[in-house]
Amino acid sequence: MLYNNAVYEIIKTPLAFKLLRYMILYETEQTGRETARNIGISFVHAHRILEGLVKQGIVIKRKAGKANLFKINQKHETVKRIIQPLVLEEKGLAKNILTAKLELAAKKALSVVLYGSVSEGKEGPDSDVDVFFLVKDSQTKEILKEKLSELAEDFAISTGNRLDSLILTVAEYLKEKNNKKGVVESIEKGELLFGKPIGEVIQK
C-alpha cells in the first residue's frame, strides 16, 4: 500500500472515484463489465481503474470460471481510514448539514422534508436547497418564518447555497394537494429530515 500521496494515487480521476463510491456503497462482487455498466462508464475505463486498484490492494480480484470478479477490500487500511468514511460522509452530507442547522427551527414543525434538486441528486454548485416545513397553524408559520430568516445568512455563508424554505399549514398543504400542484409531488418524493411522514400527519 502507499503511505504518501495515497488519496491522489488512488483517486486520480472522477471516474476512479465514481467506481470506488459504487463499490463501497453497494459492496457487491461483480465482473468489470457489470461494474462498468452499473456506473455508466466504458468497460475499458473500468478495467484499467480496477486493475490499478487491485495492484494497490484496494480491490480484491478472484477468478470465477472464465470471469474475473472484483470487490472492495474492506480490510485495507486506506479504505477503512480514508475512502469509506469519505464516501459515507458525502452520501449523507446534505442531511447531516440540514439536521444540524435546522434542529431548533424544526421543533416548531410537524414534518420537515428536503425536496427538489438536492434530494434528487441533480443540484449544481449554486442551486437553492429546498426544504419544506409542515406546521399546524398560521401562528406557528409566522414564528417559524422569523427563525428561518435568522438562519438564512449563516446557511448561505457556510454552504454557498440559498436556503429556500417553504412553510405551509396542514390546511394549506391539503389545498395544494387537492389542486394537484407540482410542488406537492416533489415534496412527497423528498427525504424526511424531522418529524413524522407527511402522509401520517394529514390523515389525522
N, C-alpha and C. Protein backbone atom coordinates (compact mmCIF):
# COMPACT_ATOMS: atom_id res chain seq x y z
N MET A 1 0.84 -1.20 0.00
CA MET A 1 0.00 0.00 0.00
C MET A 1 0.87 1.25 0.00
N LEU A 2 0.31 2.34 -0.49
CA LEU A 2 1.01 3.62 -0.49
C LEU A 2 0.74 4.35 0.83
N TYR A 3 1.75 5.06 1.32
CA TYR A 3 1.59 5.82 2.55
C TYR A 3 1.66 7.33 2.30
N ASN A 4 2.28 7.72 1.19
CA ASN A 4 2.41 9.13 0.84
C ASN A 4 1.62 9.42 -0.43
N ASN A 5 0.87 10.52 -0.41
CA ASN A 5 0.02 10.89 -1.56
C ASN A 5 -0.93 9.77 -1.95
N ALA A 6 -1.36 8.99 -0.95
CA ALA A 6 -2.18 7.81 -1.23
C ALA A 6 -3.51 8.15 -1.88
N VAL A 7 -4.19 9.17 -1.36
CA VAL A 7 -5.51 9.51 -1.89
C VAL A 7 -5.42 9.94 -3.34
N TYR A 8 -4.44 10.77 -3.65
CA TYR A 8 -4.28 11.22 -5.04
C TYR A 8 -4.00 10.04 -5.97
N GLU A 9 -3.13 9.13 -5.55
CA GLU A 9 -2.78 8.00 -6.40
C GLU A 9 -3.96 7.05 -6.60
N ILE A 10 -4.82 6.95 -5.61
CA ILE A 10 -5.98 6.05 -5.71
C ILE A 10 -7.10 6.70 -6.50
N ILE A 11 -7.35 7.98 -6.24
CA ILE A 11 -8.46 8.69 -6.88
C ILE A 11 -7.89 9.77 -7.80
N LYS A 12 -7.28 9.36 -8.88
CA LYS A 12 -6.65 10.31 -9.79
C LYS A 12 -7.66 11.01 -10.68
N THR A 13 -8.79 10.36 -10.94
CA THR A 13 -9.78 10.89 -11.89
C THR A 13 -11.18 10.80 -11.30
N PRO A 14 -12.13 11.59 -11.83
CA PRO A 14 -13.52 11.48 -11.38
C PRO A 14 -14.09 10.08 -11.60
N LEU A 15 -13.67 9.41 -12.67
CA LEU A 15 -14.18 8.06 -12.93
C LEU A 15 -13.71 7.07 -11.87
N ALA A 16 -12.48 7.24 -11.40
CA ALA A 16 -11.97 6.36 -10.35
C ALA A 16 -12.77 6.52 -9.07
N PHE A 17 -13.09 7.77 -8.73
CA PHE A 17 -13.88 7.99 -7.51
C PHE A 17 -15.30 7.47 -7.69
N LYS A 18 -15.86 7.64 -8.89
CA LYS A 18 -17.21 7.14 -9.17
C LYS A 18 -17.26 5.63 -8.98
N LEU A 19 -16.24 4.94 -9.47
CA LEU A 19 -16.19 3.49 -9.34
C LEU A 19 -16.02 3.07 -7.88
N LEU A 20 -15.12 3.73 -7.17
CA LEU A 20 -14.91 3.41 -5.75
C LEU A 20 -16.15 3.68 -4.92
N ARG A 21 -16.82 4.79 -5.20
CA ARG A 21 -18.05 5.12 -4.47
C ARG A 21 -19.08 4.01 -4.65
N TYR A 22 -19.24 3.55 -5.88
CA TYR A 22 -20.20 2.48 -6.17
C TYR A 22 -19.83 1.20 -5.41
N MET A 23 -18.57 0.82 -5.45
CA MET A 23 -18.15 -0.42 -4.81
C MET A 23 -18.31 -0.37 -3.29
N ILE A 24 -18.11 0.79 -2.71
CA ILE A 24 -18.25 0.94 -1.26
C ILE A 24 -19.71 0.97 -0.84
N LEU A 25 -20.54 1.69 -1.59
CA LEU A 25 -21.95 1.82 -1.21
C LEU A 25 -22.72 0.52 -1.41
N TYR A 26 -22.37 -0.25 -2.43
CA TYR A 26 -23.16 -1.44 -2.74
C TYR A 26 -22.48 -2.75 -2.33
N GLU A 27 -21.18 -2.70 -2.09
CA GLU A 27 -20.44 -3.85 -1.54
C GLU A 27 -20.71 -5.15 -2.28
N THR A 28 -20.83 -5.08 -3.59
CA THR A 28 -21.11 -6.28 -4.37
C THR A 28 -19.84 -6.78 -5.05
N GLU A 29 -19.80 -8.07 -5.31
CA GLU A 29 -18.71 -8.66 -6.08
C GLU A 29 -19.20 -8.82 -7.50
N GLN A 30 -18.56 -8.17 -8.44
CA GLN A 30 -19.03 -8.15 -9.82
C GLN A 30 -17.88 -8.26 -10.80
N THR A 31 -18.23 -8.60 -12.05
CA THR A 31 -17.24 -8.55 -13.11
C THR A 31 -16.99 -7.08 -13.47
N GLY A 32 -15.91 -6.85 -14.17
CA GLY A 32 -15.61 -5.48 -14.61
C GLY A 32 -16.69 -4.94 -15.53
N ARG A 33 -17.26 -5.81 -16.37
CA ARG A 33 -18.31 -5.36 -17.29
C ARG A 33 -19.57 -4.94 -16.54
N GLU A 34 -19.94 -5.72 -15.53
CA GLU A 34 -21.12 -5.38 -14.72
C GLU A 34 -20.92 -4.05 -14.00
N THR A 35 -19.75 -3.87 -13.43
CA THR A 35 -19.45 -2.62 -12.73
C THR A 35 -19.50 -1.44 -13.68
N ALA A 36 -18.88 -1.60 -14.85
CA ALA A 36 -18.87 -0.53 -15.85
C ALA A 36 -20.29 -0.17 -16.26
N ARG A 37 -21.11 -1.18 -16.50
CA ARG A 37 -22.50 -0.93 -16.92
C ARG A 37 -23.29 -0.23 -15.82
N ASN A 38 -23.11 -0.65 -14.59
CA ASN A 38 -23.89 -0.08 -13.49
C ASN A 38 -23.54 1.36 -13.16
N ILE A 39 -22.32 1.77 -13.45
CA ILE A 39 -21.95 3.17 -13.17
C ILE A 39 -21.88 4.03 -14.43
N GLY A 40 -22.16 3.40 -15.58
CA GLY A 40 -22.27 4.18 -16.81
C GLY A 40 -20.95 4.63 -17.41
N ILE A 41 -19.91 3.77 -17.32
CA ILE A 41 -18.65 4.10 -17.99
C ILE A 41 -18.25 2.93 -18.89
N SER A 42 -17.27 3.14 -19.74
CA SER A 42 -16.87 2.08 -20.67
C SER A 42 -16.13 0.98 -19.92
N PHE A 43 -16.21 -0.24 -20.48
CA PHE A 43 -15.50 -1.36 -19.87
C PHE A 43 -14.00 -1.13 -19.86
N VAL A 44 -13.49 -0.51 -20.91
CA VAL A 44 -12.04 -0.24 -21.00
C VAL A 44 -11.59 0.62 -19.83
N HIS A 45 -12.35 1.71 -19.56
CA HIS A 45 -12.00 2.58 -18.44
C HIS A 45 -12.12 1.83 -17.11
N ALA A 46 -13.22 1.11 -16.94
CA ALA A 46 -13.45 0.38 -15.68
C ALA A 46 -12.34 -0.64 -15.44
N HIS A 47 -11.98 -1.38 -16.49
CA HIS A 47 -10.96 -2.42 -16.35
C HIS A 47 -9.61 -1.82 -15.94
N ARG A 48 -9.25 -0.70 -16.57
CA ARG A 48 -7.98 -0.05 -16.26
C ARG A 48 -7.95 0.42 -14.80
N ILE A 49 -9.06 1.02 -14.36
CA ILE A 49 -9.13 1.52 -12.98
C ILE A 49 -9.09 0.36 -11.98
N LEU A 50 -9.87 -0.68 -12.27
CA LEU A 50 -9.94 -1.83 -11.36
C LEU A 50 -8.58 -2.51 -11.21
N GLU A 51 -7.89 -2.71 -12.31
CA GLU A 51 -6.58 -3.37 -12.24
C GLU A 51 -5.58 -2.52 -11.44
N GLY A 52 -5.68 -1.21 -11.59
CA GLY A 52 -4.81 -0.33 -10.80
C GLY A 52 -5.11 -0.42 -9.32
N LEU A 53 -6.39 -0.54 -8.99
CA LEU A 53 -6.79 -0.65 -7.58
C LEU A 53 -6.43 -2.02 -7.00
N VAL A 54 -6.49 -3.05 -7.84
CA VAL A 54 -6.06 -4.39 -7.41
C VAL A 54 -4.57 -4.37 -7.07
N LYS A 55 -3.79 -3.71 -7.91
CA LYS A 55 -2.34 -3.61 -7.69
C LYS A 55 -2.02 -2.97 -6.35
N GLN A 56 -2.87 -2.00 -5.93
CA GLN A 56 -2.65 -1.30 -4.67
C GLN A 56 -3.29 -2.00 -3.48
N GLY A 57 -4.05 -3.08 -3.75
CA GLY A 57 -4.70 -3.81 -2.66
C GLY A 57 -6.03 -3.23 -2.24
N ILE A 58 -6.47 -2.18 -2.91
CA ILE A 58 -7.75 -1.54 -2.56
C ILE A 58 -8.93 -2.42 -2.98
N VAL A 59 -8.76 -3.12 -4.09
CA VAL A 59 -9.79 -4.01 -4.63
C VAL A 59 -9.23 -5.43 -4.69
N ILE A 60 -10.08 -6.40 -4.39
CA ILE A 60 -9.71 -7.82 -4.45
C ILE A 60 -10.25 -8.41 -5.74
N LYS A 61 -9.42 -9.16 -6.45
CA LYS A 61 -9.84 -9.84 -7.68
C LYS A 61 -9.74 -11.34 -7.49
N ARG A 62 -10.76 -12.06 -7.94
CA ARG A 62 -10.68 -13.52 -7.91
C ARG A 62 -11.29 -14.10 -9.18
N LYS A 63 -10.81 -15.26 -9.55
CA LYS A 63 -11.26 -15.94 -10.75
C LYS A 63 -12.52 -16.73 -10.44
N ALA A 64 -13.52 -16.64 -11.35
CA ALA A 64 -14.75 -17.44 -11.22
C ALA A 64 -15.06 -17.98 -12.61
N GLY A 65 -14.58 -19.20 -12.90
CA GLY A 65 -14.70 -19.73 -14.25
C GLY A 65 -13.80 -18.94 -15.18
N LYS A 66 -14.41 -18.39 -16.24
CA LYS A 66 -13.65 -17.59 -17.19
C LYS A 66 -13.66 -16.10 -16.83
N ALA A 67 -14.45 -15.76 -15.83
CA ALA A 67 -14.61 -14.33 -15.48
C ALA A 67 -13.74 -13.95 -14.28
N ASN A 68 -13.42 -12.68 -14.21
CA ASN A 68 -12.77 -12.10 -13.04
C ASN A 68 -13.79 -11.30 -12.24
N LEU A 69 -13.85 -11.56 -10.95
CA LEU A 69 -14.77 -10.83 -10.08
C LEU A 69 -13.98 -9.87 -9.20
N PHE A 70 -14.58 -8.69 -8.98
CA PHE A 70 -13.91 -7.65 -8.20
C PHE A 70 -14.79 -7.21 -7.03
N LYS A 71 -14.16 -6.94 -5.89
CA LYS A 71 -14.89 -6.35 -4.77
C LYS A 71 -13.93 -5.47 -3.97
N ILE A 72 -14.50 -4.51 -3.25
CA ILE A 72 -13.68 -3.61 -2.43
C ILE A 72 -13.06 -4.40 -1.28
N ASN A 73 -11.85 -4.08 -0.93
CA ASN A 73 -11.17 -4.71 0.20
C ASN A 73 -11.48 -3.93 1.48
N GLN A 74 -12.49 -4.37 2.20
CA GLN A 74 -12.93 -3.67 3.40
C GLN A 74 -11.89 -3.65 4.52
N LYS A 75 -10.91 -4.56 4.44
CA LYS A 75 -9.89 -4.64 5.49
C LYS A 75 -8.69 -3.75 5.22
N HIS A 76 -8.62 -3.17 4.02
CA HIS A 76 -7.47 -2.33 3.68
C HIS A 76 -7.49 -1.06 4.52
N GLU A 77 -6.35 -0.70 5.08
CA GLU A 77 -6.29 0.45 5.98
C GLU A 77 -6.71 1.76 5.31
N THR A 78 -6.33 1.96 4.06
CA THR A 78 -6.71 3.20 3.37
C THR A 78 -8.21 3.25 3.13
N VAL A 79 -8.80 2.10 2.84
CA VAL A 79 -10.26 2.03 2.67
C VAL A 79 -10.94 2.36 4.00
N LYS A 80 -10.50 1.73 5.07
CA LYS A 80 -11.13 1.91 6.39
C LYS A 80 -10.96 3.32 6.94
N ARG A 81 -9.77 3.87 6.75
CA ARG A 81 -9.45 5.15 7.39
C ARG A 81 -9.82 6.38 6.56
N ILE A 82 -9.80 6.24 5.23
CA ILE A 82 -10.00 7.43 4.39
C ILE A 82 -11.15 7.30 3.41
N ILE A 83 -11.09 6.28 2.54
CA ILE A 83 -12.02 6.24 1.41
C ILE A 83 -13.46 5.97 1.85
N GLN A 84 -13.66 4.93 2.67
CA GLN A 84 -15.02 4.61 3.11
C GLN A 84 -15.65 5.74 3.93
N PRO A 85 -14.96 6.31 4.94
CA PRO A 85 -15.55 7.45 5.65
C PRO A 85 -15.88 8.63 4.74
N LEU A 86 -15.02 8.88 3.75
CA LEU A 86 -15.26 9.98 2.81
C LEU A 86 -16.52 9.74 2.00
N VAL A 87 -16.67 8.53 1.47
CA VAL A 87 -17.83 8.20 0.65
C VAL A 87 -19.12 8.25 1.47
N LEU A 88 -19.09 7.69 2.67
CA LEU A 88 -20.29 7.65 3.51
C LEU A 88 -20.68 9.05 3.99
N GLU A 89 -19.69 9.88 4.31
CA GLU A 89 -19.98 11.25 4.72
C GLU A 89 -20.56 12.04 3.55
N GLU A 90 -20.02 11.83 2.37
CA GLU A 90 -20.54 12.51 1.18
C GLU A 90 -21.99 12.11 0.91
N LYS A 91 -22.29 10.83 1.06
CA LYS A 91 -23.64 10.33 0.80
C LYS A 91 -24.68 11.01 1.68
N GLY A 92 -24.32 11.24 2.94
CA GLY A 92 -25.28 11.85 3.87
C GLY A 92 -25.02 13.32 4.13
N LEU A 93 -24.23 13.97 3.26
CA LEU A 93 -23.79 15.33 3.54
C LEU A 93 -24.94 16.31 3.70
N ALA A 94 -25.86 16.33 2.74
CA ALA A 94 -26.98 17.29 2.80
C ALA A 94 -27.81 17.08 4.06
N LYS A 95 -28.15 15.82 4.34
CA LYS A 95 -28.98 15.53 5.51
C LYS A 95 -28.25 15.89 6.80
N ASN A 96 -26.97 15.58 6.88
CA ASN A 96 -26.20 15.88 8.09
C ASN A 96 -26.12 17.38 8.36
N ILE A 97 -25.87 18.15 7.31
CA ILE A 97 -25.78 19.61 7.46
C ILE A 97 -27.13 20.19 7.86
N LEU A 98 -28.18 19.77 7.18
CA LEU A 98 -29.51 20.34 7.44
C LEU A 98 -30.04 19.96 8.82
N THR A 99 -29.81 18.73 9.24
CA THR A 99 -30.32 18.34 10.56
C THR A 99 -29.60 19.11 11.67
N ALA A 100 -28.32 19.41 11.45
CA ALA A 100 -27.57 20.19 12.44
C ALA A 100 -28.04 21.64 12.49
N LYS A 101 -28.25 22.23 11.32
CA LYS A 101 -28.58 23.66 11.27
C LYS A 101 -30.06 23.95 11.54
N LEU A 102 -30.92 22.99 11.27
CA LEU A 102 -32.36 23.24 11.40
C LEU A 102 -32.98 22.60 12.64
N GLU A 103 -32.16 22.02 13.48
CA GLU A 103 -32.69 21.26 14.63
C GLU A 103 -33.63 22.09 15.50
N LEU A 104 -33.25 23.30 15.85
CA LEU A 104 -34.10 24.13 16.72
C LEU A 104 -35.36 24.58 16.00
N ALA A 105 -35.20 25.05 14.76
CA ALA A 105 -36.35 25.52 14.00
C ALA A 105 -37.35 24.39 13.75
N ALA A 106 -36.84 23.19 13.55
CA ALA A 106 -37.70 22.05 13.23
C ALA A 106 -38.63 21.67 14.36
N LYS A 107 -38.33 22.10 15.58
CA LYS A 107 -39.20 21.78 16.71
C LYS A 107 -40.58 22.40 16.57
N LYS A 108 -40.68 23.43 15.73
CA LYS A 108 -41.97 24.09 15.50
C LYS A 108 -42.80 23.40 14.42
N ALA A 109 -42.20 22.42 13.73
CA ALA A 109 -42.86 21.80 12.58
C ALA A 109 -43.34 20.38 12.88
N LEU A 110 -44.35 19.97 12.14
CA LEU A 110 -44.85 18.60 12.24
C LEU A 110 -44.01 17.67 11.37
N SER A 111 -43.61 18.18 10.21
CA SER A 111 -42.75 17.45 9.28
C SER A 111 -41.79 18.43 8.63
N VAL A 112 -40.57 17.98 8.40
CA VAL A 112 -39.59 18.78 7.65
C VAL A 112 -39.00 17.86 6.58
N VAL A 113 -39.07 18.31 5.33
CA VAL A 113 -38.68 17.45 4.20
C VAL A 113 -37.72 18.18 3.27
N LEU A 114 -36.63 17.52 2.92
CA LEU A 114 -35.72 18.01 1.88
C LEU A 114 -36.27 17.53 0.55
N TYR A 115 -36.47 18.46 -0.39
CA TYR A 115 -37.02 18.07 -1.70
C TYR A 115 -36.30 18.84 -2.80
N GLY A 116 -36.69 18.61 -4.03
CA GLY A 116 -36.09 19.34 -5.14
C GLY A 116 -34.76 18.76 -5.59
N SER A 117 -33.94 19.60 -6.22
CA SER A 117 -32.74 19.13 -6.91
C SER A 117 -31.72 18.44 -5.99
N VAL A 118 -31.55 18.94 -4.77
CA VAL A 118 -30.58 18.32 -3.86
C VAL A 118 -31.04 16.93 -3.45
N SER A 119 -32.32 16.79 -3.15
CA SER A 119 -32.88 15.50 -2.78
C SER A 119 -32.78 14.51 -3.93
N GLU A 120 -32.92 15.02 -5.15
CA GLU A 120 -32.89 14.16 -6.35
C GLU A 120 -31.49 13.91 -6.87
N GLY A 121 -30.49 14.56 -6.26
CA GLY A 121 -29.12 14.39 -6.72
C GLY A 121 -28.83 15.08 -8.03
N LYS A 122 -29.57 16.16 -8.32
CA LYS A 122 -29.42 16.86 -9.61
C LYS A 122 -28.98 18.31 -9.43
N GLU A 123 -28.50 18.67 -8.25
CA GLU A 123 -28.16 20.06 -7.97
C GLU A 123 -26.87 20.49 -8.63
N GLY A 124 -26.74 21.81 -8.80
CA GLY A 124 -25.49 22.42 -9.22
C GLY A 124 -24.84 23.07 -8.02
N PRO A 125 -23.61 23.59 -8.18
CA PRO A 125 -22.90 24.19 -7.04
C PRO A 125 -23.64 25.35 -6.38
N ASP A 126 -24.44 26.09 -7.18
CA ASP A 126 -25.14 27.26 -6.63
C ASP A 126 -26.66 27.06 -6.56
N SER A 127 -27.11 25.82 -6.59
CA SER A 127 -28.55 25.54 -6.50
C SER A 127 -29.10 25.93 -5.13
N ASP A 128 -30.37 26.33 -5.12
CA ASP A 128 -31.06 26.53 -3.84
C ASP A 128 -31.25 25.17 -3.17
N VAL A 129 -31.29 25.18 -1.85
CA VAL A 129 -31.60 23.97 -1.09
C VAL A 129 -33.05 24.10 -0.63
N ASP A 130 -33.92 23.27 -1.19
CA ASP A 130 -35.36 23.36 -0.95
C ASP A 130 -35.77 22.52 0.25
N VAL A 131 -36.33 23.17 1.26
CA VAL A 131 -36.78 22.46 2.46
C VAL A 131 -38.22 22.86 2.75
N PHE A 132 -39.06 21.85 2.97
CA PHE A 132 -40.48 22.08 3.25
C PHE A 132 -40.77 21.85 4.73
N PHE A 133 -41.54 22.77 5.30
CA PHE A 133 -41.96 22.67 6.71
C PHE A 133 -43.48 22.61 6.76
N LEU A 134 -44.02 21.57 7.35
CA LEU A 134 -45.46 21.45 7.56
C LEU A 134 -45.76 21.81 9.01
N VAL A 135 -46.65 22.80 9.21
CA VAL A 135 -46.96 23.28 10.57
C VAL A 135 -48.45 23.20 10.82
N LYS A 136 -48.82 23.30 12.10
CA LYS A 136 -50.23 23.10 12.45
C LYS A 136 -51.12 24.30 12.16
N ASP A 137 -50.58 25.53 12.30
CA ASP A 137 -51.44 26.70 12.14
C ASP A 137 -50.65 27.93 11.68
N SER A 138 -51.36 29.00 11.38
CA SER A 138 -50.76 30.23 10.85
C SER A 138 -49.83 30.90 11.85
N GLN A 139 -50.17 30.84 13.13
CA GLN A 139 -49.32 31.45 14.16
C GLN A 139 -47.94 30.79 14.19
N THR A 140 -47.94 29.47 14.16
CA THR A 140 -46.68 28.73 14.14
C THR A 140 -45.90 29.04 12.87
N LYS A 141 -46.61 29.21 11.78
CA LYS A 141 -45.98 29.53 10.50
C LYS A 141 -45.19 30.84 10.58
N GLU A 142 -45.77 31.85 11.20
CA GLU A 142 -45.11 33.15 11.32
C GLU A 142 -43.88 33.09 12.22
N ILE A 143 -43.99 32.34 13.31
CA ILE A 143 -42.85 32.17 14.22
C ILE A 143 -41.69 31.47 13.50
N LEU A 144 -42.04 30.43 12.74
CA LEU A 144 -41.02 29.67 12.02
C LEU A 144 -40.37 30.51 10.92
N LYS A 145 -41.16 31.33 10.26
CA LYS A 145 -40.62 32.23 9.22
C LYS A 145 -39.50 33.10 9.79
N GLU A 146 -39.75 33.63 10.97
CA GLU A 146 -38.77 34.51 11.61
C GLU A 146 -37.49 33.74 11.95
N LYS A 147 -37.65 32.54 12.48
CA LYS A 147 -36.48 31.73 12.85
C LYS A 147 -35.65 31.37 11.62
N LEU A 148 -36.32 31.02 10.53
CA LEU A 148 -35.61 30.63 9.32
C LEU A 148 -34.93 31.81 8.65
N SER A 149 -35.53 32.98 8.80
CA SER A 149 -34.92 34.19 8.27
C SER A 149 -33.58 34.46 8.95
N GLU A 150 -33.53 34.19 10.24
CA GLU A 150 -32.29 34.37 11.01
C GLU A 150 -31.22 33.36 10.60
N LEU A 151 -31.65 32.17 10.17
CA LEU A 151 -30.72 31.12 9.80
C LEU A 151 -30.17 31.28 8.38
N ALA A 152 -30.91 31.99 7.55
CA ALA A 152 -30.61 32.04 6.11
C ALA A 152 -29.21 32.54 5.80
N GLU A 153 -28.78 33.61 6.47
CA GLU A 153 -27.47 34.18 6.17
C GLU A 153 -26.34 33.22 6.54
N ASP A 154 -26.44 32.62 7.72
CA ASP A 154 -25.42 31.65 8.15
C ASP A 154 -25.35 30.47 7.19
N PHE A 155 -26.51 30.02 6.74
CA PHE A 155 -26.56 28.88 5.82
C PHE A 155 -25.86 29.22 4.51
N ALA A 156 -26.14 30.41 3.99
CA ALA A 156 -25.52 30.83 2.73
C ALA A 156 -24.01 30.95 2.85
N ILE A 157 -23.54 31.50 3.97
CA ILE A 157 -22.10 31.67 4.18
C ILE A 157 -21.40 30.33 4.32
N SER A 158 -22.00 29.41 5.03
CA SER A 158 -21.34 28.13 5.32
C SER A 158 -21.47 27.08 4.23
N THR A 159 -22.41 27.29 3.28
CA THR A 159 -22.59 26.29 2.22
C THR A 159 -22.44 26.86 0.81
N GLY A 160 -22.63 28.18 0.67
CA GLY A 160 -22.63 28.78 -0.66
C GLY A 160 -23.95 28.64 -1.37
N ASN A 161 -24.96 28.13 -0.67
CA ASN A 161 -26.29 27.94 -1.25
C ASN A 161 -27.34 28.72 -0.48
N ARG A 162 -28.42 29.06 -1.18
CA ARG A 162 -29.54 29.75 -0.53
C ARG A 162 -30.51 28.70 0.02
N LEU A 163 -30.91 28.88 1.27
CA LEU A 163 -31.92 28.01 1.86
C LEU A 163 -33.29 28.52 1.44
N ASP A 164 -33.99 27.74 0.63
CA ASP A 164 -35.31 28.11 0.13
C ASP A 164 -36.36 27.34 0.93
N SER A 165 -36.92 28.00 1.92
CA SER A 165 -37.87 27.35 2.83
C SER A 165 -39.31 27.59 2.39
N LEU A 166 -40.06 26.52 2.30
CA LEU A 166 -41.49 26.61 2.02
C LEU A 166 -42.23 26.13 3.26
N ILE A 167 -43.08 27.00 3.81
CA ILE A 167 -43.83 26.67 5.03
C ILE A 167 -45.32 26.68 4.72
N LEU A 168 -45.99 25.59 5.01
CA LEU A 168 -47.44 25.52 4.81
C LEU A 168 -48.10 24.92 6.05
N THR A 169 -49.29 25.42 6.35
CA THR A 169 -50.09 24.78 7.39
C THR A 169 -50.69 23.51 6.81
N VAL A 170 -51.22 22.66 7.66
CA VAL A 170 -51.84 21.42 7.18
C VAL A 170 -52.98 21.74 6.21
N ALA A 171 -53.78 22.75 6.56
CA ALA A 171 -54.90 23.14 5.69
C ALA A 171 -54.40 23.62 4.33
N GLU A 172 -53.33 24.42 4.33
CA GLU A 172 -52.77 24.92 3.08
C GLU A 172 -52.19 23.79 2.24
N TYR A 173 -51.56 22.85 2.91
CA TYR A 173 -50.96 21.73 2.19
C TYR A 173 -52.05 20.88 1.52
N LEU A 174 -53.12 20.62 2.24
CA LEU A 174 -54.21 19.82 1.68
C LEU A 174 -54.84 20.52 0.48
N LYS A 175 -54.94 21.85 0.55
CA LYS A 175 -55.47 22.61 -0.58
C LYS A 175 -54.56 22.48 -1.79
N GLU A 176 -53.25 22.61 -1.56
CA GLU A 176 -52.27 22.46 -2.65
C GLU A 176 -52.34 21.05 -3.23
N LYS A 177 -52.49 20.08 -2.37
CA LYS A 177 -52.55 18.68 -2.81
C LYS A 177 -53.80 18.43 -3.65
N ASN A 178 -54.93 18.98 -3.21
CA ASN A 178 -56.18 18.81 -3.96
C ASN A 178 -56.13 19.50 -5.32
N ASN A 179 -55.36 20.59 -5.39
CA ASN A 179 -55.19 21.30 -6.66
C ASN A 179 -54.12 20.66 -7.54
N LYS A 180 -53.55 19.58 -7.04
CA LYS A 180 -52.53 18.81 -7.78
C LYS A 180 -51.36 19.67 -8.23
N LYS A 181 -50.88 20.49 -7.31
CA LYS A 181 -49.73 21.33 -7.60
C LYS A 181 -48.46 20.47 -7.69
N GLY A 182 -47.60 20.79 -8.65
CA GLY A 182 -46.38 20.01 -8.87
C GLY A 182 -45.45 19.97 -7.69
N VAL A 183 -45.44 21.06 -6.90
CA VAL A 183 -44.53 21.12 -5.77
C VAL A 183 -44.88 20.05 -4.72
N VAL A 184 -46.15 19.73 -4.60
CA VAL A 184 -46.57 18.71 -3.63
C VAL A 184 -46.01 17.34 -4.03
N GLU A 185 -46.05 17.05 -5.31
CA GLU A 185 -45.50 15.79 -5.80
C GLU A 185 -44.00 15.70 -5.50
N SER A 186 -43.31 16.81 -5.69
CA SER A 186 -41.87 16.85 -5.41
C SER A 186 -41.60 16.66 -3.92
N ILE A 187 -42.41 17.30 -3.08
CA ILE A 187 -42.26 17.17 -1.62
C ILE A 187 -42.48 15.73 -1.18
N GLU A 188 -43.49 15.09 -1.75
CA GLU A 188 -43.82 13.72 -1.35
C GLU A 188 -42.75 12.72 -1.78
N LYS A 189 -41.92 13.11 -2.73
CA LYS A 189 -40.80 12.25 -3.14
C LYS A 189 -39.52 12.57 -2.36
N GLY A 190 -39.59 13.59 -1.50
CA GLY A 190 -38.41 14.07 -0.80
C GLY A 190 -37.98 13.20 0.36
N GLU A 191 -36.98 13.69 1.09
CA GLU A 191 -36.39 12.95 2.21
C GLU A 191 -36.78 13.59 3.53
N LEU A 192 -37.38 12.81 4.41
CA LEU A 192 -37.81 13.31 5.72
C LEU A 192 -36.59 13.63 6.58
N LEU A 193 -36.55 14.85 7.10
CA LEU A 193 -35.46 15.28 7.97
C LEU A 193 -35.86 15.25 9.44
N PHE A 194 -37.08 15.72 9.73
CA PHE A 194 -37.59 15.77 11.10
C PHE A 194 -39.08 15.45 11.10
N GLY A 195 -39.56 14.99 12.26
CA GLY A 195 -40.99 14.80 12.44
C GLY A 195 -41.51 13.51 11.83
N LYS A 196 -42.82 13.51 11.59
CA LYS A 196 -43.48 12.33 11.04
C LYS A 196 -43.65 12.48 9.53
N PRO A 197 -43.77 11.36 8.81
CA PRO A 197 -44.05 11.45 7.38
C PRO A 197 -45.33 12.25 7.14
N ILE A 198 -45.34 13.04 6.09
CA ILE A 198 -46.49 13.92 5.82
C ILE A 198 -47.78 13.13 5.72
N GLY A 199 -47.74 11.96 5.11
CA GLY A 199 -48.94 11.14 4.97
C GLY A 199 -49.60 10.83 6.30
N GLU A 200 -48.78 10.57 7.31
CA GLU A 200 -49.32 10.27 8.65
C GLU A 200 -49.95 11.51 9.28
N VAL A 201 -49.34 12.67 9.06
CA VAL A 201 -49.84 13.91 9.67
C VAL A 201 -51.17 14.31 9.08
N ILE A 202 -51.30 14.28 7.77
CA ILE A 202 -52.53 14.79 7.13
C ILE A 202 -53.69 13.82 7.23
N GLN A 203 -53.43 12.58 7.63
CA GLN A 203 -54.52 11.61 7.78
C GLN A 203 -55.26 11.79 9.09
N LYS A 204 -54.65 12.51 10.03
CA LYS A 204 -55.27 12.67 11.36
C LYS A 204 -56.45 13.63 11.30
